[in-house]
C-alpha cells in the first residue's frame, strides 16, 4: 500500500493506493506554517485505518517539504520513501533551458499523462497557477505556459476594483451577465476557458510543426479548479483529477524497482 502526498501552494492532496487502484483521497489546505508534528496529526487523522508501507511525495512549497522530511523521519522511518527531487528516477527527460527550475508536480504530471494517454499531449493543471505542460510523443517534457490561477485572478480583481468583489466560482448560466455577480462569473469562467483554448491551439500548432508525423494531441485537465472549465473549454479532451497522485505512484514504482 502506498501513501501519495502532493503538496501544492494552495492545497495538499493525499491518496492511498493498493497497487494501481486508488482507494481513497483527501484534499486539505497547504499551510507553510505547519510543523512536522501538526502535519502528522492532520495526515494521520485523514488516513485513519488505512495501512501503508510506502510513501511518495512531491512538493512545490519548500517550507512544507522541509517539515514533511522531519515528519517522515520521526513517524515513518520504517516506510519506503520516494521524494521527487533531483537524483530521483522519473523517466522524464526535461528538454528545457534549466531543468532545475521545473516544479516537481509538472514532471509528475508529464509522466502520468504519457503513461495514461500517450503523447503528444498537453496537461492543463488548474491550481494556484494555470499550468500548461507539453509532453512529446516520446514522453519528454518540452516546456509549456504559465498563467495566473482562477482564484488568484478573482482575488486580485476584487482587491483592486472598488465596486467589485469576490464571487462564488460556479459555471455561469449565460455569457451575458445581468448583474455584477453574473458578469464576474462569466468573465472569469468563460474568460479562462477562452484563454486555455487559445493557448492550447497555439501550442498544438507548434507541436504539429515540430512533429509532422503526429496528427492528434490529447489535452488533459487536472487540478482542483478543473471542473469549472471542463465542459466549457472546446479543447480539453480528458479530465483526470488524480493525475498527480497517479504520477507519484509511477515514479515510486520506478525507484523501488531499482
Protein backbone atom coordinates (compact mmCIF):
# COMPACT_ATOMS: atom_id res chain seq x y z
CA UNK A 1 0.00 0.00 0.00
CA UNK A 2 1.26 3.45 -0.95
CA UNK A 3 0.52 6.86 0.54
CA UNK A 4 0.97 9.57 -2.10
CA UNK A 5 1.28 13.20 -0.96
CA UNK A 6 1.07 16.07 -3.45
CA UNK A 7 1.81 19.42 -1.76
CA UNK A 8 0.69 22.44 -3.77
CA UNK A 9 0.77 26.13 -2.97
CA UNK A 10 -2.92 26.20 -2.04
CA UNK A 11 -3.94 22.60 -1.35
CA UNK A 12 -2.34 19.30 -0.42
CA UNK A 13 -3.81 16.11 -1.88
CA UNK A 14 -3.24 12.71 -0.27
CA UNK A 15 -4.14 9.34 -1.74
CA UNK A 16 -3.91 5.69 -0.71
CA UNK A 17 -3.09 3.16 -3.44
CA UNK A 18 -3.45 -0.59 -3.36
CA UNK A 19 -1.39 -1.50 -6.40
CA UNK A 20 -2.77 0.60 -9.25
CA UNK A 21 -6.11 1.19 -7.52
CA UNK A 22 -6.67 4.49 -5.73
CA UNK A 23 -8.69 3.51 -2.66
CA UNK A 24 -9.25 6.97 -1.17
CA UNK A 25 -8.05 10.54 -1.47
CA UNK A 26 -8.27 13.74 0.57
CA UNK A 27 -7.71 17.45 -0.13
CA UNK A 28 -6.64 19.88 2.61
CA UNK A 29 -5.24 23.40 2.75
CA UNK A 30 -1.48 23.83 2.49
CA UNK A 31 -0.05 25.97 5.29
CA UNK A 32 3.67 26.72 5.27
CA UNK A 33 3.47 27.48 9.00
CA UNK A 34 2.56 23.90 9.96
CA UNK A 35 5.17 21.98 11.91
CA UNK A 36 6.09 18.36 11.21
CA UNK A 37 4.02 17.24 14.22
CA UNK A 38 0.98 19.21 13.07
CA UNK A 39 1.27 17.67 9.60
CA UNK A 40 1.50 14.19 11.10
CA UNK A 41 -1.61 14.71 13.24
CA UNK A 42 -3.56 16.04 10.25
CA UNK A 43 -2.46 13.34 7.82
CA UNK A 44 -2.93 10.54 10.35
CA UNK A 45 -6.48 11.68 11.09
CA UNK A 46 -7.33 11.61 7.39
CA UNK A 47 -5.69 8.26 6.65
CA UNK A 48 -7.45 6.61 9.58
CA UNK A 49 -7.25 2.83 9.48
CA UNK A 50 -5.68 2.65 6.02
CA UNK A 51 -2.37 0.78 6.27
CA UNK A 52 0.60 1.65 4.05
CA UNK A 53 4.22 0.60 3.78
CA UNK A 54 5.45 3.18 1.24
CA UNK A 55 5.26 6.96 0.78
CA UNK A 56 5.69 9.07 -2.36
CA UNK A 57 5.93 12.86 -2.05
CA UNK A 58 6.18 15.88 -4.30
CA UNK A 59 6.01 19.49 -3.15
CA UNK A 60 6.09 22.96 -4.68
CA UNK A 61 6.43 24.55 -1.21
CA UNK A 62 9.98 24.24 0.21
CA UNK A 63 8.92 25.13 3.78
CA UNK A 64 6.33 22.35 3.87
CA UNK A 65 8.70 19.86 2.23
CA UNK A 66 11.22 20.55 4.99
CA UNK A 67 8.63 19.76 7.65
CA UNK A 68 7.45 16.67 5.77
CA UNK A 69 11.02 15.35 5.76
CA UNK A 70 11.09 15.73 9.54
CA UNK A 71 7.65 14.11 9.82
CA UNK A 72 8.79 11.13 7.74
CA UNK A 73 11.96 10.78 9.80
CA UNK A 74 10.07 10.89 13.10
CA UNK A 75 6.92 8.93 12.26
CA UNK A 76 7.54 6.92 9.06
CA UNK A 77 11.10 5.71 9.42
CA UNK A 78 10.00 2.14 8.66
CA UNK A 79 8.41 3.12 5.30
CA UNK A 80 9.91 3.12 1.82
CA UNK A 81 10.00 6.79 0.87
CA UNK A 82 10.31 8.45 -2.54
CA UNK A 83 10.58 12.25 -2.75
CA UNK A 84 10.50 13.76 -6.24
CA UNK A 85 13.67 15.84 -6.34
CA UNK A 86 17.00 15.87 -8.23
CA UNK A 87 18.50 12.40 -8.24
CA UNK A 88 15.18 10.56 -8.33
CA UNK A 89 14.48 8.47 -11.42
CA UNK A 90 11.40 9.80 -13.19
CA UNK A 91 11.96 8.60 -16.73
CA UNK A 92 11.00 12.07 -17.96
CA UNK A 93 13.70 13.90 -19.97
CA UNK A 94 13.43 17.65 -19.37
CA UNK A 95 14.03 19.42 -22.68
CA UNK A 96 14.16 22.94 -21.25
CA UNK A 97 16.82 25.57 -20.63
CA UNK A 98 17.09 25.00 -16.87
CA UNK A 99 15.68 21.65 -15.69
CA UNK A 100 16.19 22.54 -12.01
CA UNK A 101 13.57 25.28 -12.15
CA UNK A 102 10.79 22.90 -13.24
CA UNK A 103 8.33 22.15 -10.44
CA UNK A 104 8.13 18.55 -9.29
CA UNK A 105 4.39 18.44 -9.96
CA UNK A 106 4.90 19.29 -13.63
CA UNK A 107 7.34 16.40 -14.03
CA UNK A 108 4.97 14.03 -12.24
CA UNK A 109 2.03 15.13 -14.42
CA UNK A 110 4.09 14.65 -17.58
CA UNK A 111 4.86 11.05 -16.66
CA UNK A 112 1.25 10.26 -15.78
CA UNK A 113 -0.08 11.86 -18.96
CA UNK A 114 2.35 9.93 -21.16
CA UNK A 115 1.53 6.67 -19.34
CA UNK A 116 -2.26 7.09 -19.45
CA UNK A 117 -2.84 8.90 -22.73
CA UNK A 118 0.41 8.78 -24.71
CA UNK A 119 1.95 11.72 -26.49
CA UNK A 120 1.97 14.30 -27.77
CA UNK A 121 -0.19 15.73 -25.03
CA UNK A 122 -0.90 18.94 -23.17
CA UNK A 123 -1.66 18.85 -19.44
CA UNK A 124 -3.71 21.80 -18.18
CA UNK A 125 -3.35 21.98 -14.40
CA UNK A 126 -5.89 24.33 -12.81
CA UNK A 127 -4.36 25.20 -9.45
CA UNK A 128 -2.87 28.27 -7.79
CA UNK A 129 -1.49 28.99 -11.23
CA UNK A 130 -2.81 27.63 -14.51
CA UNK A 131 -0.05 25.45 -15.94
CA UNK A 132 0.04 24.07 -19.45
CA UNK A 133 2.68 21.34 -19.64
CA UNK A 134 3.65 19.93 -23.03
CA UNK A 135 4.50 16.25 -23.49
CA UNK A 136 6.34 15.00 -26.58
CA UNK A 137 5.41 11.79 -28.44
CA UNK A 138 8.30 10.16 -26.54
CA UNK A 139 7.10 11.27 -23.09
CA UNK A 140 9.57 14.16 -22.80
CA UNK A 141 8.74 17.40 -21.00
CA UNK A 142 9.02 20.15 -23.62
CA UNK A 143 8.08 23.17 -21.52
CA UNK A 144 4.77 24.98 -21.63
CA UNK A 145 2.95 28.08 -20.47
CA UNK A 146 2.17 29.51 -17.04
CA UNK A 147 -0.75 31.83 -16.34
CA UNK A 148 -2.46 33.17 -13.21
CA UNK A 149 -4.86 30.81 -11.48
CA UNK A 150 -8.60 31.37 -11.45
CA UNK A 151 -8.86 32.16 -7.73
CA UNK A 152 -5.82 34.45 -7.78
CA UNK A 153 -7.33 36.45 -10.64
CA UNK A 154 -10.68 36.86 -8.88
CA UNK A 155 -8.98 37.95 -5.64
CA UNK A 156 -6.74 40.44 -7.45
CA UNK A 157 -9.71 41.97 -9.26
CA UNK A 158 -11.72 42.30 -6.04
CA UNK A 159 -8.76 43.90 -4.26
CA UNK A 160 -8.03 46.44 -6.98
CA UNK A 161 -11.54 47.41 -8.14
CA UNK A 162 -13.56 49.39 -5.58
CA UNK A 163 -17.01 48.31 -6.79
CA UNK A 164 -16.19 44.67 -7.46
CA UNK A 165 -15.99 41.80 -5.01
CA UNK A 166 -15.11 38.15 -4.77
CA UNK A 167 -17.85 35.91 -6.12
CA UNK A 168 -18.65 32.23 -5.88
CA UNK A 169 -16.84 30.37 -8.61
CA UNK A 170 -19.57 28.46 -10.44
CA UNK A 171 -20.30 27.84 -14.10
CA UNK A 172 -22.38 30.79 -15.33
CA UNK A 173 -25.76 30.16 -16.97
CA UNK A 174 -25.24 32.82 -19.62
CA UNK A 175 -22.32 34.65 -21.17
CA UNK A 176 -24.15 37.97 -20.80
CA UNK A 177 -24.33 38.72 -17.10
CA UNK A 178 -27.41 40.62 -15.93
CA UNK A 179 -25.77 41.77 -12.70
CA UNK A 180 -22.30 42.26 -11.29
CA UNK A 181 -22.02 38.74 -9.86
CA UNK A 182 -23.11 37.07 -13.11
CA UNK A 183 -20.84 39.34 -15.13
CA UNK A 184 -17.84 38.45 -12.97
CA UNK A 185 -18.64 34.75 -13.19
CA UNK A 186 -18.98 34.94 -16.95
CA UNK A 187 -15.77 36.89 -17.39
CA UNK A 188 -13.87 34.55 -15.08
CA UNK A 189 -15.06 31.11 -16.18
CA UNK A 190 -15.67 31.77 -19.88
CA UNK A 191 -12.61 34.00 -19.94
CA UNK A 192 -10.31 31.29 -18.55
CA UNK A 193 -11.82 28.70 -20.87
CA UNK A 194 -11.08 31.01 -23.80
CA UNK A 195 -7.54 31.64 -22.57
CA UNK A 196 -6.89 27.91 -22.24
CA UNK A 197 -8.33 27.22 -25.69
CA UNK A 198 -6.20 29.96 -27.22
CA UNK A 199 -3.01 28.67 -25.59
CA UNK A 200 -3.82 25.04 -26.45
CA UNK A 201 -4.40 25.97 -30.10
CA UNK A 202 -1.10 27.84 -30.32
CA UNK A 203 0.84 25.06 -28.57
CA UNK A 204 -0.84 22.41 -30.71
CA UNK A 205 0.14 24.25 -33.88
CA UNK A 206 3.75 24.34 -32.70
CA UNK A 207 3.68 20.64 -31.77
CA UNK A 208 2.32 19.62 -35.16
CA UNK A 209 5.00 21.70 -36.82
CA UNK A 210 7.75 20.12 -34.70
CA UNK A 211 6.33 16.60 -35.04
CA UNK A 212 4.78 16.50 -38.53
CA UNK A 213 4.09 12.76 -38.31
CA UNK A 214 1.65 13.33 -35.45
CA UNK A 215 -1.94 14.26 -36.19
CA UNK A 216 -3.60 14.03 -32.78
CA UNK A 217 -2.84 15.77 -29.50
CA UNK A 218 -4.54 14.81 -26.24
CA UNK A 219 -5.41 17.66 -23.86
CA UNK A 220 -5.84 16.57 -20.24
CA UNK A 221 -7.29 18.73 -17.48
CA UNK A 222 -6.38 18.24 -13.82
CA UNK A 223 -6.20 20.29 -10.62
CA UNK A 224 -8.75 21.35 -8.06
CA UNK A 225 -10.40 24.02 -10.23
CA UNK A 226 -10.57 21.95 -13.42
CA UNK A 227 -14.30 21.11 -13.02
CA UNK A 228 -15.11 24.80 -13.51
CA UNK A 229 -13.71 24.79 -17.03
CA UNK A 230 -14.19 21.18 -18.18
CA UNK A 231 -17.26 21.13 -20.41
CA UNK A 232 -16.84 24.80 -21.30
CA UNK A 233 -13.41 24.62 -22.88
CA UNK A 234 -13.55 23.48 -26.51
CA UNK A 235 -10.09 21.88 -26.49
CA UNK A 236 -9.98 19.71 -23.35
CA UNK A 237 -10.33 16.02 -24.22
CA UNK A 238 -9.89 14.31 -20.85
CA UNK A 239 -10.37 15.14 -17.18
CA UNK A 240 -8.16 13.20 -14.74
CA UNK A 241 -8.42 14.72 -11.25
CA UNK A 242 -5.93 12.22 -9.81
CA UNK A 243 -3.21 12.73 -12.43
CA UNK A 244 -0.52 13.88 -9.98
CA UNK A 245 -1.24 11.08 -7.50
CA UNK A 246 -1.01 8.54 -10.32
CA UNK A 247 2.29 10.05 -11.45
CA UNK A 248 3.65 9.81 -7.91
CA UNK A 249 2.74 6.12 -7.83
CA UNK A 250 4.52 5.54 -11.14
CA UNK A 251 7.70 7.33 -10.01
CA UNK A 252 7.71 5.45 -6.71
CA UNK A 253 7.39 2.12 -8.54
CA UNK A 254 10.31 3.00 -10.81
CA UNK A 255 12.57 3.87 -7.90
CA UNK A 256 11.60 0.96 -5.69
CA UNK A 257 12.19 -1.43 -8.59
CA UNK A 258 15.76 -0.13 -8.81
